[in-house]
Amino acid sequence: MKNRVSPSKSAEQQAEAELCRAVLALDGEEEARAFLRDLCTPAELQALVDRWRVVGLLRRGLTYRQINEQTGISVTTIGRVARFLADGNGGYLAVADRLDGENS
């Protein structure tokens, strides 16, 4: 693992805010796809895709075992997503609800 200088908490928060603004500046699915492919390694992007896929399957009522059998995504990842759906920051639910509203 690379040694990196630990930024101050305020510098880290500023960098996170800048990343959030960058995401908000994206214009459409193709631009978002290009940004994510530039930002993430293939493994990191696959992890994000897996987590988002689990959100939808949990919201449809599938069990951890069903999701694992259907997707091959680890039960650990499924459990982590479920925990954040229930007690996280509300991000998964906000976006999932918004997308559900668009598809209604």
PDB file of N, CA and C in Angstrom:
ATOM      1  N   MET A   1       0.846  -1.169   0.000  1.00  0.00           N
ATOM      2  CA  MET A   1       0.000   0.000   0.000  1.00  0.00           C
ATOM      3  C   MET A   1       0.893   1.233   0.000  1.00  0.00           C
ATOM      4  N   LYS A   2       0.487   2.252  -0.723  1.00  0.00           N
ATOM      5  CA  LYS A   2       1.256   3.480  -0.814  1.00  0.00           C
ATOM      6  C   LYS A   2       1.161   4.258   0.486  1.00  0.00           C
ATOM      7  N   ASN A   3       2.268   4.878   0.840  1.00  0.00           N
ATOM      8  CA  ASN A   3       2.232   5.826   1.943  1.00  0.00           C
ATOM      9  C   ASN A   3       1.655   7.123   1.407  1.00  0.00           C
ATOM     10  N   ARG A   4       0.736   7.688   2.140  1.00  0.00           N
ATOM     11  CA  ARG A   4       0.216   8.966   1.699  1.00  0.00           C
ATOM     12  C   ARG A   4       0.100   9.881   2.894  1.00  0.00           C
ATOM     13  N   VAL A   5       0.228  11.140   2.611  1.00  0.00           N
ATOM     14  CA  VAL A   5       0.142  12.134   3.661  1.00  0.00           C
ATOM     15  C   VAL A   5      -1.307  12.216   4.105  1.00  0.00           C
ATOM     16  N   SER A   6      -1.516  12.187   5.403  1.00  0.00           N
ATOM     17  CA  SER A   6      -2.866  12.313   5.935  1.00  0.00           C
ATOM     18  C   SER A   6      -3.304  13.764   5.870  1.00  0.00           C
ATOM     19  N   PRO A   7      -4.321  14.049   5.059  1.00  0.00           N
ATOM     20  CA  PRO A   7      -4.789  15.430   4.990  1.00  0.00           C
ATOM     21  C   PRO A   7      -5.539  15.790   6.269  1.00  0.00           C
ATOM     22  N   SER A   8      -5.637  17.071   6.520  1.00  0.00           N
ATOM     23  CA  SER A   8      -6.420  17.507   7.673  1.00  0.00           C
ATOM     24  C   SER A   8      -7.877  17.155   7.431  1.00  0.00           C
ATOM     25  N   LYS A   9      -8.640  17.114   8.511  1.00  0.00           N
ATOM     26  CA  LYS A   9     -10.065  16.786   8.392  1.00  0.00           C
ATOM     27  C   LYS A   9     -10.770  17.788   7.479  1.00  0.00           C
ATOM     28  N   SER A  10     -10.438  19.062   7.604  1.00  0.00           N
ATOM     29  CA  SER A  10     -11.094  20.067   6.760  1.00  0.00           C
ATOM     30  C   SER A  10     -10.693  19.905   5.299  1.00  0.00           C
ATOM     31  N   ALA A  11      -9.438  19.553   5.028  1.00  0.00           N
ATOM     32  CA  ALA A  11      -9.008  19.324   3.645  1.00  0.00           C
ATOM     33  C   ALA A  11      -9.718  18.104   3.069  1.00  0.00           C
ATOM     34  N   GLU A  12      -9.872  17.071   3.877  1.00  0.00           N
ATOM     35  CA  GLU A  12     -10.583  15.863   3.438  1.00  0.00           C
ATOM     36  C   GLU A  12     -12.050  16.177   3.147  1.00  0.00           C
ATOM     37  N   GLN A  13     -12.667  16.960   4.015  1.00  0.00           N
ATOM     38  CA  GLN A  13     -14.070  17.345   3.810  1.00  0.00           C
ATOM     39  C   GLN A  13     -14.217  18.203   2.562  1.00  0.00           C
ATOM     40  N   GLN A  14     -13.267  19.086   2.317  1.00  0.00           N
ATOM     41  CA  GLN A  14     -13.312  19.919   1.118  1.00  0.00           C
ATOM     42  C   GLN A  14     -13.164  19.066  -0.137  1.00  0.00           C
ATOM     43  N   ALA A  15     -12.256  18.102  -0.089  1.00  0.00           N
ATOM     44  CA  ALA A  15     -12.068  17.217  -1.243  1.00  0.00           C
ATOM     45  C   ALA A  15     -13.322  16.391  -1.501  1.00  0.00           C
ATOM     46  N   GLU A  16     -13.969  15.915  -0.422  1.00  0.00           N
ATOM     47  CA  GLU A  16     -15.214  15.167  -0.587  1.00  0.00           C
ATOM     48  C   GLU A  16     -16.302  16.057  -1.180  1.00  0.00           C
ATOM     49  N   ALA A  17     -16.387  17.300  -0.725  1.00  0.00           N
ATOM     50  CA  ALA A  17     -17.378  18.233  -1.268  1.00  0.00           C
ATOM     51  C   ALA A  17     -17.128  18.487  -2.751  1.00  0.00           C
ATOM     52  N   GLU A  18     -15.863  18.603  -3.130  1.00  0.00           N
ATOM     53  CA  GLU A  18     -15.530  18.808  -4.545  1.00  0.00           C
ATOM     54  C   GLU A  18     -15.932  17.606  -5.388  1.00  0.00           C
ATOM     55  N   LEU A  19     -15.724  16.410  -4.851  1.00  0.00           N
ATOM     56  CA  LEU A  19     -16.147  15.208  -5.567  1.00  0.00           C
ATOM     57  C   LEU A  19     -17.667  15.192  -5.725  1.00  0.00           C
ATOM     58  N   CYS A  20     -18.375  15.557  -4.673  1.00  0.00           N
ATOM     59  CA  CYS A  20     -19.848  15.616  -4.752  1.00  0.00           C
ATOM     60  C   CYS A  20     -20.293  16.616  -5.813  1.00  0.00           C
ATOM     61  N   ARG A  21     -19.640  17.775  -5.868  1.00  0.00           N
ATOM     62  CA  ARG A  21     -19.983  18.768  -6.901  1.00  0.00           C
ATOM     63  C   ARG A  21     -19.693  18.220  -8.293  1.00  0.00           C
ATOM     64  N   ALA A  22     -18.599  17.471  -8.420  1.00  0.00           N
ATOM     65  CA  ALA A  22     -18.271  16.874  -9.715  1.00  0.00           C
ATOM     66  C   ALA A  22     -19.366  15.905 -10.149  1.00  0.00           C
ATOM     67  N   VAL A  23     -19.842  15.087  -9.220  1.00  0.00           N
ATOM     68  CA  VAL A  23     -20.919  14.136  -9.539  1.00  0.00           C
ATOM     69  C   VAL A  23     -22.182  14.891  -9.945  1.00  0.00           C
ATOM     70  N   LEU A  24     -22.495  15.949  -9.220  1.00  0.00           N
ATOM     71  CA  LEU A  24     -23.692  16.737  -9.542  1.00  0.00           C
ATOM     72  C   LEU A  24     -23.584  17.431 -10.901  1.00  0.00           C
ATOM     73  N   ALA A  25     -22.355  17.674 -11.360  1.00  0.00           N
ATOM     74  CA  ALA A  25     -22.148  18.348 -12.642  1.00  0.00           C
ATOM     75  C   ALA A  25     -22.307  17.418 -13.838  1.00  0.00           C
ATOM     76  N   LEU A  26     -22.383  16.118 -13.593  1.00  0.00           N
ATOM     77  CA  LEU A  26     -22.494  15.162 -14.699  1.00  0.00           C
ATOM     78  C   LEU A  26     -23.808  15.346 -15.436  1.00  0.00           C
ATOM     79  N   ASP A  27     -23.745  15.201 -16.748  1.00  0.00           N
ATOM     80  CA  ASP A  27     -24.917  15.414 -17.590  1.00  0.00           C
ATOM     81  C   ASP A  27     -25.278  14.119 -18.310  1.00  0.00           C
ATOM     82  N   GLY A  28     -26.055  13.302 -17.649  1.00  0.00           N
ATOM     83  CA  GLY A  28     -26.561  12.103 -18.287  1.00  0.00           C
ATOM     84  C   GLY A  28     -25.763  10.853 -17.992  1.00  0.00           C
ATOM     85  N   GLU A  29     -26.360   9.739 -18.380  1.00  0.00           N
ATOM     86  CA  GLU A  29     -25.806   8.424 -18.077  1.00  0.00           C
ATOM     87  C   GLU A  29     -24.456   8.177 -18.735  1.00  0.00           C
ATOM     88  N   GLU A  30     -24.294   8.550 -19.976  1.00  0.00           N
ATOM     89  CA  GLU A  30     -23.031   8.299 -20.677  1.00  0.00           C
ATOM     90  C   GLU A  30     -21.883   9.076 -20.038  1.00  0.00           C
ATOM     91  N   GLU A  31     -22.137  10.333 -19.671  1.00  0.00           N
ATOM     92  CA  GLU A  31     -21.103  11.126 -19.020  1.00  0.00           C
ATOM     93  C   GLU A  31     -20.769  10.551 -17.643  1.00  0.00           C
ATOM     94  N   ALA A  32     -21.801  10.096 -16.933  1.00  0.00           N
ATOM     95  CA  ALA A  32     -21.578   9.471 -15.625  1.00  0.00           C
ATOM     96  C   ALA A  32     -20.757   8.201 -15.767  1.00  0.00           C
ATOM     97  N   ARG A  33     -21.068   7.400 -16.773  1.00  0.00           N
ATOM     98  CA  ARG A  33     -20.315   6.162 -17.015  1.00  0.00           C
ATOM     99  C   ARG A  33     -18.844   6.481 -17.297  1.00  0.00           C
ATOM    100  N   ALA A  34     -18.590   7.459 -18.152  1.00  0.00           N
ATOM    101  CA  ALA A  34     -17.212   7.833 -18.481  1.00  0.00           C
ATOM    102  C   ALA A  34     -16.476   8.335 -17.235  1.00  0.00           C
ATOM    103  N   PHE A  35     -17.140   9.148 -16.423  1.00  0.00           N
ATOM    104  CA  PHE A  35     -16.532   9.670 -15.206  1.00  0.00           C
ATOM    105  C   PHE A  35     -16.174   8.543 -14.244  1.00  0.00           C
ATOM    106  N   LEU A  36     -17.118   7.630 -14.021  1.00  0.00           N
ATOM    107  CA  LEU A  36     -16.862   6.519 -13.105  1.00  0.00           C
ATOM    108  C   LEU A  36     -15.750   5.615 -13.617  1.00  0.00           C
ATOM    109  N   ARG A  37     -15.701   5.393 -14.908  1.00  0.00           N
ATOM    110  CA  ARG A  37     -14.640   4.541 -15.468  1.00  0.00           C
ATOM    111  C   ARG A  37     -13.275   5.202 -15.373  1.00  0.00           C
ATOM    112  N   ASP A  38     -13.242   6.539 -15.427  1.00  0.00           N
ATOM    113  CA  ASP A  38     -11.986   7.250 -15.227  1.00  0.00           C
ATOM    114  C   ASP A  38     -11.606   7.306 -13.750  1.00  0.00           C
ATOM    115  N   LEU A  39     -12.582   7.459 -12.892  1.00  0.00           N
ATOM    116  CA  LEU A  39     -12.350   7.642 -11.459  1.00  0.00           C
ATOM    117  C   LEU A  39     -11.957   6.354 -10.755  1.00  0.00           C
ATOM    118  N   CYS A  40     -12.566   5.244 -11.145  1.00  0.00           N
ATOM    119  CA  CYS A  40     -12.424   3.977 -10.414  1.00  0.00           C
ATOM    120  C   CYS A  40     -11.612   2.963 -11.208  1.00  0.00           C
ATOM    121  N   THR A  41     -10.945   2.080 -10.472  1.00  0.00           N
ATOM    122  CA  THR A  41     -10.360   0.913 -11.114  1.00  0.00           C
ATOM    123  C   THR A  41     -11.515  -0.005 -11.509  1.00  0.00           C
ATOM    124  N   PRO A  42     -11.286  -0.957 -12.412  1.00  0.00           N
ATOM    125  CA  PRO A  42     -12.364  -1.890 -12.744  1.00  0.00           C
ATOM    126  C   PRO A  42     -12.921  -2.605 -11.509  1.00  0.00           C
ATOM    127  N   ALA A  43     -12.058  -2.976 -10.569  1.00  0.00           N
ATOM    128  CA  ALA A  43     -12.533  -3.667  -9.358  1.00  0.00           C
ATOM    129  C   ALA A  43     -13.367  -2.741  -8.477  1.00  0.00           C
ATOM    130  N   GLU A  44     -12.943  -1.491  -8.354  1.00  0.00           N
ATOM    131  CA  GLU A  44     -13.715  -0.532  -7.558  1.00  0.00           C
ATOM    132  C   GLU A  44     -15.086  -0.289  -8.185  1.00  0.00           C
ATOM    133  N   LEU A  45     -15.117  -0.138  -9.500  1.00  0.00           N
ATOM    134  CA  LEU A  45     -16.384   0.077 -10.182  1.00  0.00           C
ATOM    135  C   LEU A  45     -17.290  -1.142 -10.037  1.00  0.00           C
ATOM    136  N   GLN A  46     -16.726  -2.331 -10.140  1.00  0.00           N
ATOM    137  CA  GLN A  46     -17.533  -3.546  -9.961  1.00  0.00           C
ATOM    138  C   GLN A  46     -18.110  -3.604  -8.553  1.00  0.00           C
ATOM    139  N   ALA A  47     -17.337  -3.214  -7.552  1.00  0.00           N
ATOM    140  CA  ALA A  47     -17.837  -3.194  -6.174  1.00  0.00           C
ATOM    141  C   ALA A  47     -19.005  -2.227  -6.038  1.00  0.00           C
ATOM    142  N   LEU A  48     -18.914  -1.067  -6.669  1.00  0.00           N
ATOM    143  CA  LEU A  48     -20.020  -0.100  -6.626  1.00  0.00           C
ATOM    144  C   LEU A  48     -21.253  -0.655  -7.331  1.00  0.00           C
ATOM    145  N   VAL A  49     -21.038  -1.252  -8.483  1.00  0.00           N
ATOM    146  CA  VAL A  49     -22.145  -1.850  -9.242  1.00  0.00           C
ATOM    147  C   VAL A  49     -22.819  -2.950  -8.417  1.00  0.00           C
ATOM    148  N   ASP A  50     -22.006  -3.798  -7.792  1.00  0.00           N
ATOM    149  CA  ASP A  50     -22.557  -4.876  -6.964  1.00  0.00           C
ATOM    150  C   ASP A  50     -23.407  -4.308  -5.828  1.00  0.00           C
ATOM    151  N   ARG A  51     -22.889  -3.301  -5.140  1.00  0.00           N
ATOM    152  CA  ARG A  51     -23.637  -2.717  -4.021  1.00  0.00           C
ATOM    153  C   ARG A  51     -24.953  -2.125  -4.491  1.00  0.00           C
ATOM    154  N   TRP A  52     -24.911  -1.416  -5.610  1.00  0.00           N
ATOM    155  CA  TRP A  52     -26.156  -0.804  -6.100  1.00  0.00           C
ATOM    156  C   TRP A  52     -27.158  -1.880  -6.536  1.00  0.00           C
ATOM    157  N   ARG A  53     -26.656  -2.935  -7.132  1.00  0.00           N
ATOM    158  CA  ARG A  53     -27.524  -4.048  -7.532  1.00  0.00           C
ATOM    159  C   ARG A  53     -28.209  -4.662  -6.318  1.00  0.00           C
ATOM    160  N   VAL A  54     -27.464  -4.825  -5.224  1.00  0.00           N
ATOM    161  CA  VAL A  54     -28.003  -5.390  -3.993  1.00  0.00           C
ATOM    162  C   VAL A  54     -29.112  -4.501  -3.438  1.00  0.00           C
ATOM    163  N   VAL A  55     -28.960  -3.185  -3.536  1.00  0.00           N
ATOM    164  CA  VAL A  55     -30.005  -2.276  -3.043  1.00  0.00           C
ATOM    165  C   VAL A  55     -31.348  -2.637  -3.669  1.00  0.00           C
ATOM    166  N   GLY A  56     -31.383  -2.763  -4.963  1.00  0.00           N
ATOM    167  CA  GLY A  56     -32.636  -3.075  -5.647  1.00  0.00           C
ATOM    168  C   GLY A  56     -33.196  -4.430  -5.265  1.00  0.00           C
ATOM    169  N   LEU A  57     -32.326  -5.412  -5.138  1.00  0.00           N
ATOM    170  CA  LEU A  57     -32.785  -6.762  -4.801  1.00  0.00           C
ATOM    171  C   LEU A  57     -33.312  -6.828  -3.362  1.00  0.00           C
ATOM    172  N   LEU A  58     -32.649  -6.147  -2.446  1.00  0.00           N
ATOM    173  CA  LEU A  58     -33.152  -6.106  -1.061  1.00  0.00           C
ATOM    174  C   LEU A  58     -34.495  -5.387  -1.003  1.00  0.00           C
ATOM    175  N   ARG A  59     -34.622  -4.314  -1.756  1.00  0.00           N
ATOM    176  CA  ARG A  59     -35.890  -3.569  -1.758  1.00  0.00           C
ATOM    177  C   ARG A  59     -37.027  -4.386  -2.379  1.00  0.00           C
ATOM    178  N   ARG A  60     -36.676  -5.347  -3.217  1.00  0.00           N
ATOM    179  CA  ARG A  60     -37.698  -6.250  -3.775  1.00  0.00           C
ATOM    180  C   ARG A  60     -38.024  -7.384  -2.820  1.00  0.00           C
ATOM    181  N   GLY A  61     -37.317  -7.476  -1.695  1.00  0.00           N
ATOM    182  CA  GLY A  61     -37.627  -8.462  -0.672  1.00  0.00           C
ATOM    183  C   GLY A  61     -36.860  -9.765  -0.758  1.00  0.00           C
ATOM    184  N   LEU A  62     -35.841  -9.826  -1.608  1.00  0.00           N
ATOM    185  CA  LEU A  62     -35.059 -11.056  -1.688  1.00  0.00           C
ATOM    186  C   LEU A  62     -34.230 -11.238  -0.422  1.00  0.00           C
ATOM    187  N   THR A  63     -33.999 -12.481  -0.056  1.00  0.00           N
ATOM    188  CA  THR A  63     -33.163 -12.791   1.097  1.00  0.00           C
ATOM    189  C   THR A  63     -31.700 -12.703   0.699  1.00  0.00           C
ATOM    190  N   TYR A  64     -30.830 -12.641   1.700  1.00  0.00           N
ATOM    191  CA  TYR A  64     -29.394 -12.621   1.437  1.00  0.00           C
ATOM    192  C   TYR A  64     -29.006 -13.832   0.597  1.00  0.00           C
ATOM    193  N   ARG A  65     -29.515 -14.999   0.987  1.00  0.00           N
ATOM    194  CA  ARG A  65     -29.164 -16.228   0.270  1.00  0.00           C
ATOM    195  C   ARG A  65     -29.634 -16.165  -1.184  1.00  0.00           C
ATOM    196  N   GLN A  66     -30.850 -15.687  -1.419  1.00  0.00           N
ATOM    197  CA  GLN A  66     -31.349 -15.579  -2.792  1.00  0.00           C
ATOM    198  C   GLN A  66     -30.485 -14.637  -3.622  1.00  0.00           C
ATOM    199  N   ILE A  67     -30.106 -13.511  -3.015  1.00  0.00           N
ATOM    200  CA  ILE A  67     -29.264 -12.550  -3.733  1.00  0.00           C
ATOM    201  C   ILE A  67     -27.909 -13.168  -4.047  1.00  0.00           C
ATOM    202  N   ASN A  68     -27.322 -13.840  -3.069  1.00  0.00           N
ATOM    203  CA  ASN A  68     -26.035 -14.496  -3.278  1.00  0.00           C
ATOM    204  C   ASN A  68     -26.121 -15.539  -4.379  1.00  0.00           C
ATOM    205  N   GLU A  69     -27.146 -16.359  -4.347  1.00  0.00           N
ATOM    206  CA  GLU A  69     -27.294 -17.413  -5.355  1.00  0.00           C
ATOM    207  C   GLU A  69     -27.539 -16.828  -6.738  1.00  0.00           C
ATOM    208  N   GLN A  70     -28.290 -15.739  -6.811  1.00  0.00           N
ATOM    209  CA  GLN A  70     -28.646 -15.127  -8.091  1.00  0.00           C
ATOM    210  C   GLN A  70     -27.491 -14.337  -8.692  1.00  0.00           C
ATOM    211  N   THR A  71     -26.654 -13.723  -7.842  1.00  0.00           N
ATOM    212  CA  THR A  71     -25.646 -12.791  -8.346  1.00  0.00           C
ATOM    213  C   THR A  71     -24.207 -13.203  -8.082  1.00  0.00           C
ATOM    214  N   GLY A  72     -23.981 -14.047  -7.079  1.00  0.00           N
ATOM    215  CA  GLY A  72     -22.625 -14.373  -6.674  1.00  0.00           C
ATOM    216  C   GLY A  72     -21.994 -13.318  -5.774  1.00  0.00           C
ATOM    217  N   ILE A  73     -22.732 -12.269  -5.457  1.00  0.00           N
ATOM    218  CA  ILE A  73     -22.235 -11.226  -4.557  1.00  0.00           C
ATOM    219  C   ILE A  73     -22.159 -11.806  -3.157  1.00  0.00           C
ATOM    220  N   SER A  74     -21.071 -11.505  -2.450  1.00  0.00           N
ATOM    221  CA  SER A  74     -20.848 -12.114  -1.144  1.00  0.00           C
ATOM    222  C   SER A  74     -21.909 -11.699  -0.125  1.00  0.00           C
ATOM    223  N   VAL A  75     -22.171 -12.603   0.792  1.00  0.00           N
ATOM    224  CA  VAL A  75     -23.124 -12.330   1.865  1.00  0.00           C
ATOM    225  C   VAL A  75     -22.624 -11.168   2.719  1.00  0.00           C
ATOM    226  N   THR A  76     -21.311 -11.018   2.837  1.00  0.00           N
ATOM    227  CA  THR A  76     -20.746  -9.892   3.591  1.00  0.00           C
ATOM    228  C   THR A  76     -21.129  -8.568   2.948  1.00  0.00           C
ATOM    229  N   THR A  77     -20.990  -8.488   1.635  1.00  0.00           N
ATOM    230  CA  THR A  77     -21.368  -7.268   0.918  1.00  0.00           C
ATOM    231  C   THR A  77     -22.867  -7.029   1.037  1.00  0.00           C
ATOM    232  N   ILE A  78     -23.643  -8.065   0.887  1.00  0.00           N
ATOM    233  CA  ILE A  78     -25.098  -7.937   0.987  1.00  0.00           C
ATOM    234  C   ILE A  78     -25.476  -7.408   2.378  1.00  0.00           C
ATOM    235  N   GLY A  79     -24.858  -7.979   3.402  1.00  0.00           N
ATOM    236  CA  GLY A  79     -25.128  -7.529   4.770  1.00  0.00           C
ATOM    237  C   GLY A  79     -24.738  -6.083   4.991  1.00  0.00           C
ATOM    238  N   ARG A  80     -23.607  -5.673   4.437  1.00  0.00           N
ATOM    239  CA  ARG A  80     -23.154  -4.281   4.562  1.00  0.00           C
ATOM    240  C   ARG A  80     -24.160  -3.341   3.911  1.00  0.00           C
ATOM    241  N   VAL A  81     -24.619  -3.681   2.724  1.00  0.00           N
ATOM    242  CA  VAL A  81     -25.604  -2.843   2.036  1.00  0.00           C
ATOM    243  C   VAL A  81     -26.897  -2.784   2.842  1.00  0.00           C
ATOM    244  N   ALA A  82     -27.335  -3.936   3.338  1.00  0.00           N
ATOM    245  CA  ALA A  82     -28.565  -3.977   4.134  1.00  0.00           C
ATOM    246  C   ALA A  82     -28.438  -3.096   5.375  1.00  0.00           C
ATOM    247  N   ARG A  83     -27.287  -3.134   6.007  1.00  0.00           N
ATOM    248  CA  ARG A  83     -27.065  -2.322   7.218  1.00  0.00           C
ATOM    249  C   ARG A  83     -27.151  -0.837   6.878  1.00  0.00           C
ATOM    250  N   PHE A  84     -26.563  -0.425   5.756  1.00  0.00           N
ATOM    251  CA  PHE A  84     -26.620   0.984   5.374  1.00  0.00           C
ATOM    252  C   PHE A  84     -28.015   1.382   4.871  1.00  0.00           C
ATOM    253  N   LEU A  85     -28.736   0.458   4.286  1.00  0.00           N
ATOM    254  CA  LEU A  85     -30.126   0.759   3.926  1.00  0.00           C
ATOM    255  C   LEU A  85     -30.953   1.052   5.172  1.00  0.00           C
ATOM    256  N   ALA A  86     -30.714   0.281   6.217  1.00  0.00           N
ATOM    257  CA  ALA A  86     -31.487   0.432   7.450  1.00  0.00           C
ATOM    258  C   ALA A  86     -30.993   1.579   8.319  1.00  0.00           C
ATOM    259  N   ASP A  87     -29.682   1.717   8.462  1.00  0.00           N
ATOM    260  CA  ASP A  87     -29.131   2.649   9.448  1.00  0.00           C
ATOM    261  C   ASP A  87     -28.028   3.540   8.900  1.00  0.00           C
ATOM    262  N   GLY A  88     -27.998   3.741   7.619  1.00  0.00           N
ATOM    263  CA  GLY A  88     -26.915   4.531   7.031  1.00  0.00           C
ATOM    264  C   GLY A  88     -27.243   6.006   6.989  1.00  0.00           C
ATOM    265  N   ASN A  89     -26.731   6.661   5.986  1.00  0.00           N
ATOM    266  CA  ASN A  89     -26.897   8.101   5.827  1.00  0.00           C
ATOM    267  C   ASN A  89     -28.111   8.484   4.990  1.00  0.00           C
ATOM    268  N   GLY A  90     -28.832   7.488   4.484  1.00  0.00           N
ATOM    269  CA  GLY A  90     -30.027   7.756   3.692  1.00  0.00           C
ATOM    270  C   GLY A  90     -29.781   7.913   2.209  1.00  0.00           C
ATOM    271  N   GLY A  91     -28.532   7.781   1.791  1.00  0.00           N
ATOM    272  CA  GLY A  91     -28.215   7.978   0.379  1.00  0.00           C
ATOM    273  C   GLY A  91     -28.811   6.931  -0.538  1.00  0.00           C
ATOM    274  N   TYR A  92     -28.659   5.656  -0.154  1.00  0.00           N
ATOM    275  CA  TYR A  92     -29.239   4.585  -0.981  1.00  0.00           C
ATOM    276  C   TYR A  92     -30.741   4.808  -1.149  1.00  0.00           C
ATOM    277  N   LEU A  93     -31.420   5.046  -0.035  1.00  0.00           N
ATOM    278  CA  LEU A  93     -32.878   5.184  -0.084  1.00  0.00           C
ATOM    279  C   LEU A  93     -33.313   6.401  -0.880  1.00  0.00           C
ATOM    280  N   ALA A  94     -32.622   7.516  -0.707  1.00  0.00           N
ATOM    281  CA  ALA A  94     -32.994   8.735  -1.423  1.00  0.00           C
ATOM    282  C   ALA A  94     -32.937   8.524  -2.936  1.00  0.00           C
ATOM    283  N   VAL A  95     -31.842   7.929  -3.392  1.00  0.00           N
ATOM    284  CA  VAL A  95     -31.689   7.725  -4.831  1.00  0.00           C
ATOM    285  C   VAL A  95     -32.633   6.640  -5.333  1.00  0.00           C
ATOM    286  N   ALA A  96     -32.749   5.548  -4.597  1.00  0.00           N
ATOM    287  CA  ALA A  96     -33.645   4.466  -5.018  1.00  0.00           C
ATOM    288  C   ALA A  96     -35.092   4.956  -5.088  1.00  0.00           C
ATOM    289  N   ASP A  97     -35.525   5.718  -4.087  1.00  0.00           N
ATOM    290  CA  ASP A  97     -36.891   6.260  -4.103  1.00  0.00           C
ATOM    291  C   ASP A  97     -37.097   7.202  -5.279  1.00  0.00           C
ATOM    292  N   ARG A  98     -36.103   8.045  -5.532  1.00  0.00           N
ATOM    293  CA  ARG A  98     -36.203   8.997  -6.651  1.00  0.00           C
ATOM    294  C   ARG A  98     -36.309   8.254  -7.972  1.00  0.00           C
ATOM    295  N   LEU A  99     -35.483   7.227  -8.147  1.00  0.00           N
ATOM    296  CA  LEU A  99     -35.529   6.456  -9.391  1.00  0.00           C
ATOM    297  C   LEU A  99     -36.832   5.679  -9.522  1.00  0.00           C
ATOM    298  N   ASP A 100     -37.334   5.157  -8.388  1.00  0.00           N
ATOM    299  CA  ASP A 100     -38.640   4.484  -8.415  1.00  0.00           C
ATOM    300  C   ASP A 100     -39.728   5.436  -8.871  1.00  0.00           C
ATOM    301  N   GLY A 101     -39.661   6.676  -8.410  1.00  0.00           N
ATOM    302  CA  GLY A 101     -40.637   7.692  -8.803  1.00  0.00           C
ATOM    303  C   GLY A 101     -40.581   8.017 -10.272  1.00  0.00           C
ATOM    304  N   GLU A 102     -39.382   8.005 -10.835  1.00  0.00           N
ATOM    305  CA  GLU A 102     -39.210   8.261 -12.271  1.00  0.00           C
ATOM    306  C   GLU A 102     -39.758   7.119 -13.114  1.00  0.00           C
ATOM    307  N   ASN A 103     -39.735   5.914 -12.560  1.00  0.00           N
ATOM    308  CA  ASN A 103     -40.167   4.729 -13.307  1.00  0.00           C
ATOM    309  C   ASN A 103     -41.633   4.418 -13.105  1.00  0.00           C
ATOM    310  N   SER A 104     -42.323   5.230 -12.323  1.00  0.00           N
ATOM    311  CA  SER A 104     -43.757   4.966 -12.057  1.00  0.00           C
ATOM    312  C   SER A 104     -44.631   5.551 -13.123  1.00  0.00           C
TER     313      SER A 104
END
